Amino acid sequence: MTERKLITVLTDVCESVKSTNNGFVWLTHVGHWRAPQVIAVFNTEQEKQRALTNGWDIDFINQVNIALASIKSAPVGIYFDSEEECKKVSGGNWDRHLSKVKNLH
């Protein structure tokens, strides 16, 4: 039941931040619901770098922390990645790619 709550609050964050139209396309998590690793995914590395340079990540991190606190959870890490990087490094295989989560912010 609580995994569902985690998915629900992260979906709300995802839908909220997609409206920024900066290349962010989706988010996911790995790990236990009480201490997940949250991964924000952009289309390209360039879009990701531009968003991070412009401070987009600060608002995103705040939204994730607030959402997770509402279900008594806290992220162990918030990461930023891209479809482009997954294709380049892991051949587009997100399961394999996420098994080596990186770019901790």
Protein backbone atom coordinates (compact mmCIF):
# COMPACT_ATOMS: atom_id res chain seq x y z
CA MET A 1 0.00 0.00 0.00
CA THR A 2 2.73 2.49 0.84
CA GLU A 3 4.61 1.79 -2.41
CA ARG A 4 1.41 2.96 -4.11
CA LYS A 5 1.46 6.15 -2.05
CA LEU A 6 5.06 6.75 -3.12
CA ILE A 7 4.12 6.29 -6.77
CA THR A 8 1.15 8.61 -6.35
CA VAL A 9 3.13 11.48 -4.78
CA LEU A 10 5.98 11.10 -7.28
CA THR A 11 3.49 11.10 -10.15
CA ASP A 12 2.08 14.37 -8.82
CA VAL A 13 5.58 15.88 -8.73
CA CYS A 14 6.28 14.59 -12.23
CA GLU A 15 3.13 16.10 -13.71
CA SER A 16 3.82 19.39 -11.95
CA VAL A 17 7.38 19.78 -13.23
CA LYS A 18 6.69 18.56 -16.77
CA SER A 19 4.92 21.86 -17.38
CA THR A 20 8.28 23.67 -17.30
CA ASN A 21 8.94 22.44 -20.87
CA ASN A 22 12.69 22.26 -20.35
CA GLY A 23 13.33 18.74 -21.59
CA PHE A 24 12.28 16.92 -18.41
CA VAL A 25 10.16 13.95 -19.48
CA TRP A 26 9.66 11.55 -16.58
CA LEU A 27 10.88 10.38 -13.20
CA THR A 28 11.22 7.08 -11.46
CA HIS A 29 12.57 5.63 -8.27
CA VAL A 30 14.56 2.64 -7.13
CA GLY A 31 14.83 1.15 -3.69
CA HIS A 32 12.53 0.90 -0.70
CA TRP A 33 9.63 3.34 -0.42
CA ARG A 34 10.95 4.72 2.90
CA ALA A 35 14.30 5.65 1.36
CA PRO A 36 14.07 5.71 -2.43
CA GLN A 37 16.54 6.99 -4.94
CA VAL A 38 14.62 9.37 -7.21
CA ILE A 39 15.74 9.84 -10.81
CA ALA A 40 14.61 12.74 -13.02
CA VAL A 41 14.98 11.96 -16.71
CA PHE A 42 15.47 14.50 -19.50
CA ASN A 43 15.43 13.93 -23.26
CA THR A 44 19.04 14.99 -23.83
CA GLU A 45 22.18 15.70 -21.84
CA GLN A 46 22.13 19.27 -23.12
CA GLU A 47 18.60 19.84 -21.79
CA LYS A 48 19.60 18.29 -18.46
CA GLN A 49 22.68 20.49 -18.14
CA ARG A 50 20.73 23.61 -19.08
CA ALA A 51 18.04 22.86 -16.48
CA LEU A 52 20.60 22.21 -13.76
CA THR A 53 22.55 25.33 -14.66
CA ASN A 54 19.36 27.40 -14.45
CA GLY A 55 18.54 26.10 -10.96
CA TRP A 56 15.57 23.95 -11.99
CA ASP A 57 16.88 21.21 -9.72
CA ILE A 58 16.39 23.29 -6.55
CA ASP A 59 12.62 23.47 -7.04
CA PHE A 60 12.49 19.84 -8.13
CA ILE A 61 14.39 18.65 -5.04
CA ASN A 62 12.12 20.71 -2.78
CA GLN A 63 9.01 19.25 -4.39
CA VAL A 64 10.33 15.70 -4.05
CA ASN A 65 11.28 16.24 -0.39
CA ILE A 66 7.86 17.71 0.46
CA ALA A 67 6.03 14.92 -1.39
CA LEU A 68 8.04 12.17 0.29
CA ALA A 69 7.72 13.75 3.73
CA SER A 70 3.94 13.60 3.31
CA ILE A 71 4.18 9.79 3.33
CA LYS A 72 6.93 9.62 5.96
CA SER A 73 9.65 8.87 3.45
CA ALA A 74 12.93 10.57 2.58
CA PRO A 75 15.09 10.18 -0.51
CA VAL A 76 18.56 8.73 -0.12
CA GLY A 77 19.48 10.45 -3.34
CA ILE A 78 18.08 12.52 -6.15
CA TYR A 79 19.69 11.91 -9.50
CA PHE A 80 19.45 13.46 -12.96
CA ASP A 81 19.80 11.48 -16.15
CA SER A 82 18.72 11.51 -19.78
CA GLU A 83 17.26 9.26 -22.43
CA GLU A 84 20.31 10.12 -24.51
CA GLU A 85 22.73 8.92 -21.83
CA CYS A 86 20.82 5.68 -21.27
CA LYS A 87 20.94 4.90 -24.98
CA LYS A 88 24.65 5.72 -25.14
CA VAL A 89 25.76 3.85 -22.00
CA SER A 90 23.19 1.07 -21.62
CA GLY A 91 21.76 0.63 -25.10
CA GLY A 92 18.42 2.03 -23.95
CA ASN A 93 18.00 -0.61 -21.25
CA TRP A 94 16.71 1.38 -18.30
CA ASP A 95 16.81 -1.57 -15.87
CA ARG A 96 20.52 -1.99 -16.49
CA HIS A 97 21.11 1.75 -16.56
CA LEU A 98 19.34 2.35 -13.24
CA SER A 99 21.29 -0.44 -11.59
CA LYS A 100 24.25 1.94 -11.62
CA VAL A 101 22.51 5.14 -10.55
CA LYS A 102 24.84 8.12 -10.63
CA ASN A 103 24.93 11.91 -10.80
CA LEU A 104 23.86 12.41 -7.21
CA HIS A 105 22.80 15.96 -6.53
